[in-house]
Amino acid sequence: MNGSRSIGGGSRKLYHHDPDTGGGGSTKKSVDKSSDDGVQYGKEEIKNDFDGKPYTYPELHLPKKEYGTVIRQIDDNYESKYKGKSIGFHSTSKYTYKFEIRGYNDYNIFSKWKND
């Protein structure tokens, strides 16, 4: 699949660019639209937070149900894990998500990888 790669010799697949692992690209980039897990790829665009300020990284477009589930889980843990932080990691049984934090329910998921 174009757009994912092995990182650090392991089998972890990255589903979007991740600046901490060397992936990346411009804010407008065409990538492969096919995916085994329903992630939609296409033109990357920077979205704005609730205050109208642009996020740093392009949003990773997840299927609606998956997005809603992850956002609810992050909201449920906001006070204890994410409040006051600018970047967060959220793990489920299958995936880990990396996201920007601008406040409660104001997140930008920009990276996802399969857990080993």
PDB file of N, CA and C in Angstrom:
ATOM      1  N   MET A   1       0.846  -1.171   0.000  1.00  0.00           N
ATOM      2  CA  MET A   1       0.000   0.000   0.000  1.00  0.00           C
ATOM      3  C   MET A   1       0.891   1.233   0.000  1.00  0.00           C
ATOM      4  N   ASN A   2       0.657   2.118  -0.904  1.00  0.00           N
ATOM      5  CA  ASN A   2       1.398   3.355  -0.988  1.00  0.00           C
ATOM      6  C   ASN A   2       1.041   4.239   0.196  1.00  0.00           C
ATOM      7  N   GLY A   3       2.015   4.865   0.824  1.00  0.00           N
ATOM      8  CA  GLY A   3       1.720   5.750   1.939  1.00  0.00           C
ATOM      9  C   GLY A   3       1.960   5.112   3.298  1.00  0.00           C
ATOM     10  N   SER A   4       2.157   3.803   3.343  1.00  0.00           N
ATOM     11  CA  SER A   4       2.498   3.180   4.622  1.00  0.00           C
ATOM     12  C   SER A   4       3.839   2.499   4.456  1.00  0.00           C
ATOM     13  N   ARG A   5       4.548   2.345   5.547  1.00  0.00           N
ATOM     14  CA  ARG A   5       5.879   1.769   5.457  1.00  0.00           C
ATOM     15  C   ARG A   5       6.272   1.178   6.800  1.00  0.00           C
ATOM     16  N   SER A   6       7.276   0.346   6.767  1.00  0.00           N
ATOM     17  CA  SER A   6       7.802  -0.211   8.004  1.00  0.00           C
ATOM     18  C   SER A   6       8.697   0.830   8.653  1.00  0.00           C
ATOM     19  N   ILE A   7       8.627   0.951   9.953  1.00  0.00           N
ATOM     20  CA  ILE A   7       9.397   1.956  10.678  1.00  0.00           C
ATOM     21  C   ILE A   7      10.324   1.260  11.658  1.00  0.00           C
ATOM     22  N   GLY A   8      11.573   1.642  11.639  1.00  0.00           N
ATOM     23  CA  GLY A   8      12.537   1.141  12.616  1.00  0.00           C
ATOM     24  C   GLY A   8      12.749  -0.357  12.554  1.00  0.00           C
ATOM     25  N   GLY A   9      12.574  -0.948  11.374  1.00  0.00           N
ATOM     26  CA  GLY A   9      12.816  -2.370  11.225  1.00  0.00           C
ATOM     27  C   GLY A   9      11.685  -3.236  11.734  1.00  0.00           C
ATOM     28  N   GLY A  10      10.670  -2.660  12.317  1.00  0.00           N
ATOM     29  CA  GLY A  10       9.542  -3.431  12.835  1.00  0.00           C
ATOM     30  C   GLY A  10       8.448  -3.573  11.798  1.00  0.00           C
ATOM     31  N   SER A  11       7.347  -4.095  12.225  1.00  0.00           N
ATOM     32  CA  SER A  11       6.242  -4.305  11.297  1.00  0.00           C
ATOM     33  C   SER A  11       5.139  -3.271  11.476  1.00  0.00           C
ATOM     34  N   ARG A  12       5.395  -2.217  12.228  1.00  0.00           N
ATOM     35  CA  ARG A  12       4.391  -1.188  12.475  1.00  0.00           C
ATOM     36  C   ARG A  12       4.107  -0.424  11.187  1.00  0.00           C
ATOM     37  N   LYS A  13       2.848  -0.382  10.787  1.00  0.00           N
ATOM     38  CA  LYS A  13       2.481   0.355   9.590  1.00  0.00           C
ATOM     39  C   LYS A  13       1.944   1.714   9.973  1.00  0.00           C
ATOM     40  N   LEU A  14       2.474   2.744   9.344  1.00  0.00           N
ATOM     41  CA  LEU A  14       2.045   4.106   9.582  1.00  0.00           C
ATOM     42  C   LEU A  14       1.023   4.459   8.518  1.00  0.00           C
ATOM     43  N   TYR A  15      -0.125   4.958   8.925  1.00  0.00           N
ATOM     44  CA  TYR A  15      -1.195   5.238   7.991  1.00  0.00           C
ATOM     45  C   TYR A  15      -1.265   6.684   7.559  1.00  0.00           C
ATOM     46  N   HIS A  16      -0.322   7.508   7.954  1.00  0.00           N
ATOM     47  CA  HIS A  16      -0.270   8.899   7.549  1.00  0.00           C
ATOM     48  C   HIS A  16       1.103   9.415   7.927  1.00  0.00           C
ATOM     49  N   HIS A  17       1.464  10.575   7.451  1.00  0.00           N
ATOM     50  CA  HIS A  17       2.793  11.072   7.792  1.00  0.00           C
ATOM     51  C   HIS A  17       2.901  11.315   9.286  1.00  0.00           C
ATOM     52  N   ASP A  18       4.080  11.119   9.787  1.00  0.00           N
ATOM     53  CA  ASP A  18       4.347  11.323  11.207  1.00  0.00           C
ATOM     54  C   ASP A  18       5.690  12.031  11.317  1.00  0.00           C
ATOM     55  N   PRO A  19       5.701  13.289  11.740  1.00  0.00           N
ATOM     56  CA  PRO A  19       6.956  14.035  11.774  1.00  0.00           C
ATOM     57  C   PRO A  19       7.994  13.448  12.715  1.00  0.00           C
ATOM     58  N   ASP A  20       7.579  12.701  13.716  1.00  0.00           N
ATOM     59  CA  ASP A  20       8.535  12.120  14.654  1.00  0.00           C
ATOM     60  C   ASP A  20       9.251  10.901  14.098  1.00  0.00           C
ATOM     61  N   THR A  21       8.706  10.295  13.048  1.00  0.00           N
ATOM     62  CA  THR A  21       9.339   9.105  12.487  1.00  0.00           C
ATOM     63  C   THR A  21       9.891   9.357  11.090  1.00  0.00           C
ATOM     64  N   GLY A  22       9.913  10.610  10.671  1.00  0.00           N
ATOM     65  CA  GLY A  22      10.534  10.938   9.401  1.00  0.00           C
ATOM     66  C   GLY A  22       9.583  10.969   8.233  1.00  0.00           C
ATOM     67  N   GLY A  23       8.347  10.593   8.412  1.00  0.00           N
ATOM     68  CA  GLY A  23       7.387  10.693   7.323  1.00  0.00           C
ATOM     69  C   GLY A  23       7.014  12.140   7.156  1.00  0.00           C
ATOM     70  N   GLY A  24       6.429  12.434   6.039  1.00  0.00           N
ATOM     71  CA  GLY A  24       6.002  13.811   5.918  1.00  0.00           C
ATOM     72  C   GLY A  24       5.668  14.187   4.510  1.00  0.00           C
ATOM     73  N   GLY A  25       5.356  15.395   4.340  1.00  0.00           N
ATOM     74  CA  GLY A  25       5.016  15.910   3.035  1.00  0.00           C
ATOM     75  C   GLY A  25       4.450  17.294   3.183  1.00  0.00           C
ATOM     76  N   SER A  26       4.104  17.855   2.061  1.00  0.00           N
ATOM     77  CA  SER A  26       3.518  19.185   2.085  1.00  0.00           C
ATOM     78  C   SER A  26       2.081  19.105   2.563  1.00  0.00           C
ATOM     79  N   THR A  27       1.475  20.248   2.779  1.00  0.00           N
ATOM     80  CA  THR A  27       0.103  20.252   3.263  1.00  0.00           C
ATOM     81  C   THR A  27      -0.895  19.931   2.161  1.00  0.00           C
ATOM     82  N   LYS A  28      -0.496  19.962   0.918  1.00  0.00           N
ATOM     83  CA  LYS A  28      -1.358  19.572  -0.195  1.00  0.00           C
ATOM     84  C   LYS A  28      -0.618  18.484  -0.959  1.00  0.00           C
ATOM     85  N   LYS A  29      -1.037  17.250  -0.799  1.00  0.00           N
ATOM     86  CA  LYS A  29      -0.302  16.139  -1.381  1.00  0.00           C
ATOM     87  C   LYS A  29      -1.277  15.052  -1.770  1.00  0.00           C
ATOM     88  N   SER A  30      -1.137  14.524  -2.972  1.00  0.00           N
ATOM     89  CA  SER A  30      -1.968  13.404  -3.383  1.00  0.00           C
ATOM     90  C   SER A  30      -1.316  12.119  -2.915  1.00  0.00           C
ATOM     91  N   VAL A  31      -2.087  11.263  -2.293  1.00  0.00           N
ATOM     92  CA  VAL A  31      -1.594   9.960  -1.875  1.00  0.00           C
ATOM     93  C   VAL A  31      -2.588   8.904  -2.308  1.00  0.00           C
ATOM     94  N   ASP A  32      -2.204   7.659  -2.200  1.00  0.00           N
ATOM     95  CA  ASP A  32      -3.040   6.535  -2.595  1.00  0.00           C
ATOM     96  C   ASP A  32      -4.369   6.558  -1.852  1.00  0.00           C
ATOM     97  N   LYS A  33      -5.476   6.396  -2.573  1.00  0.00           N
ATOM     98  CA  LYS A  33      -6.801   6.411  -1.951  1.00  0.00           C
ATOM     99  C   LYS A  33      -7.253   5.027  -1.514  1.00  0.00           C
ATOM    100  N   SER A  34      -6.467   3.994  -1.760  1.00  0.00           N
ATOM    101  CA  SER A  34      -6.864   2.650  -1.348  1.00  0.00           C
ATOM    102  C   SER A  34      -6.343   2.366   0.051  1.00  0.00           C
ATOM    103  N   SER A  35      -7.089   1.539   0.775  1.00  0.00           N
ATOM    104  CA  SER A  35      -6.685   1.189   2.130  1.00  0.00           C
ATOM    105  C   SER A  35      -7.386  -0.081   2.559  1.00  0.00           C
ATOM    106  N   ASP A  36      -6.664  -0.915   3.289  1.00  0.00           N
ATOM    107  CA  ASP A  36      -7.243  -2.161   3.788  1.00  0.00           C
ATOM    108  C   ASP A  36      -8.180  -1.935   4.965  1.00  0.00           C
ATOM    109  N   ASP A  37      -8.028  -0.825   5.671  1.00  0.00           N
ATOM    110  CA  ASP A  37      -8.786  -0.628   6.908  1.00  0.00           C
ATOM    111  C   ASP A  37      -9.770   0.538   6.857  1.00  0.00           C
ATOM    112  N   GLY A  38     -10.070   1.045   5.669  1.00  0.00           N
ATOM    113  CA  GLY A  38     -11.082   2.080   5.538  1.00  0.00           C
ATOM    114  C   GLY A  38     -10.574   3.497   5.684  1.00  0.00           C
ATOM    115  N   VAL A  39      -9.276   3.703   5.907  1.00  0.00           N
ATOM    116  CA  VAL A  39      -8.750   5.056   5.993  1.00  0.00           C
ATOM    117  C   VAL A  39      -8.802   5.674   4.609  1.00  0.00           C
ATOM    118  N   GLN A  40      -9.310   6.890   4.516  1.00  0.00           N
ATOM    119  CA  GLN A  40      -9.419   7.562   3.229  1.00  0.00           C
ATOM    120  C   GLN A  40      -8.206   8.451   3.018  1.00  0.00           C
ATOM    121  N   TYR A  41      -7.558   8.284   1.869  1.00  0.00           N
ATOM    122  CA  TYR A  41      -6.425   9.113   1.521  1.00  0.00           C
ATOM    123  C   TYR A  41      -6.827  10.015   0.368  1.00  0.00           C
ATOM    124  N   GLY A  42      -6.190  11.117   0.234  1.00  0.00           N
ATOM    125  CA  GLY A  42      -6.489  12.055  -0.838  1.00  0.00           C
ATOM    126  C   GLY A  42      -5.708  13.332  -0.616  1.00  0.00           C
ATOM    127  N   LYS A  43      -6.251  14.435  -1.059  1.00  0.00           N
ATOM    128  CA  LYS A  43      -5.592  15.720  -0.864  1.00  0.00           C
ATOM    129  C   LYS A  43      -5.549  16.041   0.626  1.00  0.00           C
ATOM    130  N   GLU A  44      -4.372  16.359   1.107  1.00  0.00           N
ATOM    131  CA  GLU A  44      -4.226  16.721   2.510  1.00  0.00           C
ATOM    132  C   GLU A  44      -4.488  18.211   2.659  1.00  0.00           C
ATOM    133  N   GLU A  45      -5.310  18.562   3.593  1.00  0.00           N
ATOM    134  CA  GLU A  45      -5.584  19.961   3.872  1.00  0.00           C
ATOM    135  C   GLU A  45      -5.545  20.183   5.373  1.00  0.00           C
ATOM    136  N   ILE A  46      -5.064  21.336   5.763  1.00  0.00           N
ATOM    137  CA  ILE A  46      -4.986  21.679   7.175  1.00  0.00           C
ATOM    138  C   ILE A  46      -6.339  22.222   7.619  1.00  0.00           C
ATOM    139  N   LYS A  47      -6.914  21.628   8.685  1.00  0.00           N
ATOM    140  CA  LYS A  47      -8.180  22.139   9.208  1.00  0.00           C
ATOM    141  C   LYS A  47      -7.897  23.119  10.337  1.00  0.00           C
ATOM    142  N   ASN A  48      -8.905  23.876  10.717  1.00  0.00           N
ATOM    143  CA  ASN A  48      -8.782  24.854  11.795  1.00  0.00           C
ATOM    144  C   ASN A  48      -9.359  24.304  13.089  1.00  0.00           C
ATOM    145  N   ASP A  49      -8.839  24.810  14.216  1.00  0.00           N
ATOM    146  CA  ASP A  49      -9.392  24.442  15.514  1.00  0.00           C
ATOM    147  C   ASP A  49     -10.651  25.270  15.777  1.00  0.00           C
ATOM    148  N   PHE A  50     -11.223  25.133  16.969  1.00  0.00           N
ATOM    149  CA  PHE A  50     -12.463  25.838  17.300  1.00  0.00           C
ATOM    150  C   PHE A  50     -12.297  27.356  17.319  1.00  0.00           C
ATOM    151  N   ASP A  51     -11.071  27.842  17.507  1.00  0.00           N
ATOM    152  CA  ASP A  51     -10.809  29.283  17.507  1.00  0.00           C
ATOM    153  C   ASP A  51     -10.447  29.810  16.122  1.00  0.00           C
ATOM    154  N   GLY A  52     -10.474  28.950  15.110  1.00  0.00           N
ATOM    155  CA  GLY A  52     -10.157  29.362  13.746  1.00  0.00           C
ATOM    156  C   GLY A  52      -8.679  29.348  13.415  1.00  0.00           C
ATOM    157  N   LYS A  53      -7.846  28.855  14.319  1.00  0.00           N
ATOM    158  CA  LYS A  53      -6.409  28.772  14.070  1.00  0.00           C
ATOM    159  C   LYS A  53      -6.097  27.433  13.409  1.00  0.00           C
ATOM    160  N   PRO A  54      -5.229  27.431  12.393  1.00  0.00           N
ATOM    161  CA  PRO A  54      -4.922  26.163  11.721  1.00  0.00           C
ATOM    162  C   PRO A  54      -4.108  25.225  12.612  1.00  0.00           C
ATOM    163  N   TYR A  55      -4.420  23.942  12.512  1.00  0.00           N
ATOM    164  CA  TYR A  55      -3.606  22.931  13.175  1.00  0.00           C
ATOM    165  C   TYR A  55      -2.262  22.851  12.458  1.00  0.00           C
ATOM    166  N   THR A  56      -1.304  22.214  13.073  1.00  0.00           N
ATOM    167  CA  THR A  56       0.032  22.085  12.505  1.00  0.00           C
ATOM    168  C   THR A  56       0.092  21.025  11.413  1.00  0.00           C
ATOM    169  N   TYR A  57      -0.653  19.922  11.576  1.00  0.00           N
ATOM    170  CA  TYR A  57      -0.562  18.785  10.663  1.00  0.00           C
ATOM    171  C   TYR A  57      -1.875  18.558   9.923  1.00  0.00           C
ATOM    172  N   PRO A  58      -1.805  17.988   8.719  1.00  0.00           N
ATOM    173  CA  PRO A  58      -3.034  17.635   7.993  1.00  0.00           C
ATOM    174  C   PRO A  58      -3.822  16.562   8.744  1.00  0.00           C
ATOM    175  N   GLU A  59      -5.134  16.669   8.707  1.00  0.00           N
ATOM    176  CA  GLU A  59      -6.013  15.714   9.380  1.00  0.00           C
ATOM    177  C   GLU A  59      -5.993  14.368   8.670  1.00  0.00           C
ATOM    178  N   LEU A  60      -5.990  13.302   9.451  1.00  0.00           N
ATOM    179  CA  LEU A  60      -6.145  11.951   8.920  1.00  0.00           C
ATOM    180  C   LEU A  60      -7.641  11.664   8.874  1.00  0.00           C
ATOM    181  N   HIS A  61      -8.180  11.435   7.694  1.00  0.00           N
ATOM    182  CA  HIS A  61      -9.617  11.191   7.547  1.00  0.00           C
ATOM    183  C   HIS A  61      -9.924   9.730   7.856  1.00  0.00           C
ATOM    184  N   LEU A  62     -10.641   9.507   8.942  1.00  0.00           N
ATOM    185  CA  LEU A  62     -11.044   8.169   9.373  1.00  0.00           C
ATOM    186  C   LEU A  62     -12.502   7.947   9.002  1.00  0.00           C
ATOM    187  N   PRO A  63     -12.923   6.675   8.896  1.00  0.00           N
ATOM    188  CA  PRO A  63     -14.351   6.401   8.714  1.00  0.00           C
ATOM    189  C   PRO A  63     -15.141   7.032   9.868  1.00  0.00           C
ATOM    190  N   LYS A  64     -16.345   7.505   9.578  1.00  0.00           N
ATOM    191  CA  LYS A  64     -17.155   8.257  10.540  1.00  0.00           C
ATOM    192  C   LYS A  64     -17.324   7.533  11.879  1.00  0.00           C
ATOM    193  N   LYS A  65     -17.624   6.251  11.840  1.00  0.00           N
ATOM    194  CA  LYS A  65     -17.842   5.484  13.074  1.00  0.00           C
ATOM    195  C   LYS A  65     -16.556   5.394  13.899  1.00  0.00           C
ATOM    196  N   GLU A  66     -15.438   5.093  13.239  1.00  0.00           N
ATOM    197  CA  GLU A  66     -14.154   4.996  13.933  1.00  0.00           C
ATOM    198  C   GLU A  66     -13.772   6.351  14.536  1.00  0.00           C
ATOM    199  N   TYR A  67     -13.946   7.415  13.768  1.00  0.00           N
ATOM    200  CA  TYR A  67     -13.626   8.758  14.248  1.00  0.00           C
ATOM    201  C   TYR A  67     -14.435   9.091  15.503  1.00  0.00           C
ATOM    202  N   GLY A  68     -15.735   8.851  15.448  1.00  0.00           N
ATOM    203  CA  GLY A  68     -16.604   9.135  16.588  1.00  0.00           C
ATOM    204  C   GLY A  68     -16.214   8.358  17.829  1.00  0.00           C
ATOM    205  N   THR A  69     -15.884   7.085  17.646  1.00  0.00           N
ATOM    206  CA  THR A  69     -15.483   6.236  18.772  1.00  0.00           C
ATOM    207  C   THR A  69     -14.199   6.755  19.418  1.00  0.00           C
ATOM    208  N   VAL A  70     -13.204   7.069  18.595  1.00  0.00           N
ATOM    209  CA  VAL A  70     -11.916   7.531  19.120  1.00  0.00           C
ATOM    210  C   VAL A  70     -12.073   8.882  19.821  1.00  0.00           C
ATOM    211  N   ILE A  71     -12.814   9.801  19.224  1.00  0.00           N
ATOM    212  CA  ILE A  71     -13.012  11.119  19.837  1.00  0.00           C
ATOM    213  C   ILE A  71     -13.718  10.990  21.184  1.00  0.00           C
ATOM    214  N   ARG A  72     -14.732  10.133  21.271  1.00  0.00           N
ATOM    215  CA  ARG A  72     -15.429   9.918  22.553  1.00  0.00           C
ATOM    216  C   ARG A  72     -14.480   9.360  23.609  1.00  0.00           C
ATOM    217  N   GLN A  73     -13.621   8.416  23.203  1.00  0.00           N
ATOM    218  CA  GLN A  73     -12.671   7.836  24.148  1.00  0.00           C
ATOM    219  C   GLN A  73     -11.658   8.880  24.628  1.00  0.00           C
ATOM    220  N   ILE A  74     -11.199   9.733  23.716  1.00  0.00           N
ATOM    221  CA  ILE A  74     -10.278  10.806  24.105  1.00  0.00           C
ATOM    222  C   ILE A  74     -10.984  11.771  25.057  1.00  0.00           C
ATOM    223  N   ASP A  75     -12.222  12.154  24.722  1.00  0.00           N
ATOM    224  CA  ASP A  75     -13.003  13.041  25.602  1.00  0.00           C
ATOM    225  C   ASP A  75     -13.145  12.451  26.999  1.00  0.00           C
ATOM    226  N   ASP A  76     -13.428  11.154  27.078  1.00  0.00           N
ATOM    227  CA  ASP A  76     -13.609  10.488  28.371  1.00  0.00           C
ATOM    228  C   ASP A  76     -12.344  10.534  29.231  1.00  0.00           C
ATOM    229  N   ASN A  77     -11.183  10.585  28.586  1.00  0.00           N
ATOM    230  CA  ASN A  77      -9.904  10.588  29.304  1.00  0.00           C
ATOM    231  C   ASN A  77      -9.226  11.955  29.324  1.00  0.00           C
ATOM    232  N   TYR A  78      -9.904  12.979  28.824  1.00  0.00           N
ATOM    233  CA  TYR A  78      -9.268  14.295  28.666  1.00  0.00           C
ATOM    234  C   TYR A  78      -8.688  14.830  29.975  1.00  0.00           C
ATOM    235  N   GLU A  79      -9.484  14.899  31.012  1.00  0.00           N
ATOM    236  CA  GLU A  79      -9.036  15.487  32.282  1.00  0.00           C
ATOM    237  C   GLU A  79      -7.836  14.756  32.876  1.00  0.00           C
ATOM    238  N   SER A  80      -7.836  13.437  32.806  1.00  0.00           N
ATOM    239  CA  SER A  80      -6.777  12.662  33.463  1.00  0.00           C
ATOM    240  C   SER A  80      -5.523  12.460  32.607  1.00  0.00           C
ATOM    241  N   LYS A  81      -5.649  12.483  31.275  1.00  0.00           N
ATOM    242  CA  LYS A  81      -4.500  12.152  30.428  1.00  0.00           C
ATOM    243  C   LYS A  81      -4.032  13.267  29.499  1.00  0.00           C
ATOM    244  N   TYR A  82      -4.942  14.115  29.023  1.00  0.00           N
ATOM    245  CA  TYR A  82      -4.595  15.004  27.919  1.00  0.00           C
ATOM    246  C   TYR A  82      -4.647  16.497  28.226  1.00  0.00           C
ATOM    247  N   LYS A  83      -5.314  16.904  29.285  1.00  0.00           N
ATOM    248  CA  LYS A  83      -5.462  18.327  29.598  1.00  0.00           C
ATOM    249  C   LYS A  83      -4.093  18.975  29.771  1.00  0.00           C
ATOM    250  N   GLY A  84      -3.888  20.103  29.104  1.00  0.00           N
ATOM    251  CA  GLY A  84      -2.629  20.836  29.202  1.00  0.00           C
ATOM    252  C   GLY A  84      -1.545  20.370  28.251  1.00  0.00           C
ATOM    253  N   LYS A  85      -1.798  19.324  27.488  1.00  0.00           N
ATOM    254  CA  LYS A  85      -0.810  18.817  26.537  1.00  0.00           C
ATOM    255  C   LYS A  85      -1.144  19.319  25.132  1.00  0.00           C
ATOM    256  N   SER A  86      -0.137  19.364  24.268  1.00  0.00           N
ATOM    257  CA  SER A  86      -0.367  19.793  22.886  1.00  0.00           C
ATOM    258  C   SER A  86      -0.453  18.606  21.927  1.00  0.00           C
ATOM    259  N   ILE A  87       0.162  17.486  22.288  1.00  0.00           N
ATOM    260  CA  ILE A  87       0.127  16.264  21.474  1.00  0.00           C
ATOM    261  C   ILE A  87      -0.274  15.110  22.380  1.00  0.00           C
ATOM    262  N   GLY A  88      -1.117  14.225  21.865  1.00  0.00           N
ATOM    263  CA  GLY A  88      -1.543  13.070  22.639  1.00  0.00           C
ATOM    264  C   GLY A  88      -1.486  11.794  21.827  1.00  0.00           C
ATOM    265  N   PHE A  89      -1.437  10.685  22.529  1.00  0.00           N
ATOM    266  CA  PHE A  89      -1.488   9.358  21.931  1.00  0.00           C
ATOM    267  C   PHE A  89      -2.651   8.621  22.569  1.00  0.00           C
ATOM    268  N   HIS A  90      -3.455   7.959  21.749  1.00  0.00           N
ATOM    269  CA  HIS A  90      -4.573   7.168  22.265  1.00  0.00           C
ATOM    270  C   HIS A  90      -4.502   5.788  21.629  1.00  0.00           C
ATOM    271  N   SER A  91      -4.485   4.751  22.452  1.00  0.00           N
ATOM    272  CA  SER A  91      -4.407   3.377  21.947  1.00  0.00           C
ATOM    273  C   SER A  91      -5.713   2.639  22.169  1.00  0.00           C
ATOM    274  N   THR A  92      -6.091   1.867  21.157  1.00  0.00           N
ATOM    275  CA  THR A  92      -7.202   0.930  21.261  1.00  0.00           C
ATOM    276  C   THR A  92      -6.595  -0.461  21.152  1.00  0.00           C
ATOM    277  N   SER A  93      -7.420  -1.481  21.085  1.00  0.00           N
ATOM    278  CA  SER A  93      -6.874  -2.833  20.989  1.00  0.00           C
ATOM    279  C   SER A  93      -6.117  -3.056  19.678  1.00  0.00           C
ATOM    280  N   LYS A  94      -6.490  -2.349  18.614  1.00  0.00           N
ATOM    281  CA  LYS A  94      -5.859  -2.563  17.310  1.00  0.00           C
ATOM    282  C   LYS A  94      -4.906  -1.456  16.876  1.00  0.00           C
ATOM    283  N   TYR A  95      -5.211  -0.201  17.213  1.00  0.00           N
ATOM    284  CA  TYR A  95      -4.466   0.932  16.672  1.00  0.00           C
ATOM    285  C   TYR A  95      -4.064   1.922  17.754  1.00  0.00           C
ATOM    286  N   THR A  96      -3.031   2.713  17.428  1.00  0.00           N
ATOM    287  CA  THR A  96      -2.663   3.872  18.225  1.00  0.00           C
ATOM    288  C   THR A  96      -2.815   5.095  17.333  1.00  0.00           C
ATOM    289  N   TYR A  97      -3.390   6.144  17.899  1.00  0.00           N
ATOM    290  CA  TYR A  97      -3.657   7.382  17.177  1.00  0.00           C
ATOM    291  C   TYR A  97      -2.832   8.499  17.801  1.00  0.00           C
ATOM    292  N   LYS A  98      -2.271   9.357  16.966  1.00  0.00           N
ATOM    293  CA  LYS A  98      -1.532  10.525  17.436  1.00  0.00           C
ATOM    294  C   LYS A  98      -2.327  11.757  17.018  1.00  0.00           C
ATOM    295  N   PHE A  99      -2.488  12.701  17.943  1.00  0.00           N
ATOM    296  CA  PHE A  99      -3.348  13.839  17.642  1.00  0.00           C
ATOM    297  C   PHE A  99      -2.869  15.108  18.334  1.00  0.00           C
ATOM    298  N   GLU A 100      -3.224  16.241  17.728  1.00  0.00           N
ATOM    299  CA  GLU A 100      -2.988  17.547  18.332  1.00  0.00           C
ATOM    300  C   GLU A 100      -4.139  17.855  19.278  1.00  0.00           C
ATOM    301  N   ILE A 101      -3.836  18.569  20.354  1.00  0.00           N
ATOM    302  CA  ILE A 101      -4.849  18.920  21.350  1.00  0.00           C
ATOM    303  C   ILE A 101      -4.888  20.438  21.490  1.00  0.00           C
ATOM    304  N   ARG A 102      -6.081  21.010  21.319  1.00  0.00           N
ATOM    305  CA  ARG A 102      -6.264  22.451  21.517  1.00  0.00           C
ATOM    306  C   ARG A 102      -7.252  22.739  22.638  1.00  0.00           C
ATOM    307  N   GLY A 103      -7.755  21.710  23.298  1.00  0.00           N
ATOM    308  CA  GLY A 103      -8.734  21.851  24.365  1.00  0.00           C
ATOM    309  C   GLY A 103      -9.674  20.663  24.330  1.00  0.00           C
ATOM    310  N   TYR A 104     -10.622  20.642  25.269  1.00  0.00           N
ATOM    311  CA  TYR A 104     -11.577  19.537  25.329  1.00  0.00           C
ATOM    312  C   TYR A 104     -12.374  19.450  24.027  1.00  0.00           C
ATOM    313  N   ASN A 105     -12.404  18.271  23.425  1.00  0.00           N
ATOM    314  CA  ASN A 105     -13.125  17.976  22.187  1.00  0.00           C
ATOM    315  C   ASN A 105     -12.642  18.818  21.009  1.00  0.00           C
ATOM    316  N   ASP A 106     -11.426  19.306  21.067  1.00  0.00           N
ATOM    317  CA  ASP A 106     -10.826  20.084  19.982  1.00  0.00           C
ATOM    318  C   ASP A 106      -9.500  19.418  19.623  1.00  0.00           C
ATOM    319  N   TYR A 107      -9.597  18.355  18.828  1.00  0.00           N
ATOM    320  CA  TYR A 107      -8.451  17.512  18.505  1.00  0.00           C
ATOM    321  C   TYR A 107      -8.302  17.387  16.993  1.00  0.00           C
ATOM    322  N   ASN A 108      -7.085  17.087  16.570  1.00  0.00           N
ATOM    323  CA  ASN A 108      -6.792  16.816  15.170  1.00  0.00           C
ATOM    324  C   ASN A 108      -6.004  15.510  15.107  1.00  0.00           C
ATOM    325  N   ILE A 109      -6.669  14.428  14.738  1.00  0.00           N
ATOM    326  CA  ILE A 109      -5.987  13.135  14.584  1.00  0.00           C
ATOM    327  C   ILE A 109      -5.212  13.195  13.278  1.00  0.00           C
ATOM    328  N   PHE A 110      -3.888  13.028  13.365  1.00  0.00           N
ATOM    329  CA  PHE A 110      -3.076  13.140  12.155  1.00  0.00           C
ATOM    330  C   PHE A 110      -2.226  11.910  11.868  1.00  0.00           C
ATOM    331  N   SER A 111      -2.260  10.923  12.725  1.00  0.00           N
ATOM    332  CA  SER A 111      -1.468   9.721  12.483  1.00  0.00           C
ATOM    333  C   SER A 111      -2.131   8.520  13.151  1.00  0.00           C
ATOM    334  N   LYS A 112      -1.971   7.369  12.536  1.00  0.00           N
ATOM    335  CA  LYS A 112      -2.559   6.121  13.049  1.00  0.00           C
ATOM    336  C   LYS A 112      -1.646   4.981  12.638  1.00  0.00           C
ATOM    337  N   TRP A 113      -1.395   4.048  13.558  1.00  0.00           N
ATOM    338  CA  TRP A 113      -0.630   2.862  13.195  1.00  0.00           C
ATOM    339  C   TRP A 113      -1.183   1.651  13.920  1.00  0.00           C
ATOM    340  N   LYS A 114      -0.938   0.511  13.315  1.00  0.00           N
ATOM    341  CA  LYS A 114      -1.403  -0.760  13.855  1.00  0.00           C
ATOM    342  C   LYS A 114      -0.494  -1.177  15.001  1.00  0.00           C
ATOM    343  N   ASN A 115      -1.096  -1.604  16.108  1.00  0.00           N
ATOM    344  CA  ASN A 115      -0.317  -2.078  17.250  1.00  0.00           C
ATOM    345  C   ASN A 115       0.282  -3.443  16.941  1.00  0.00           C
ATOM    346  N   ASP A 116       1.483  -3.683  17.470  1.00  0.00           N
ATOM    347  CA  ASP A 116       2.157  -4.977  17.263  1.00  0.00           C
ATOM    348  C   ASP A 116       1.498  -6.067  18.065  1.00  0.00           C
TER     349      ASP A 116
END
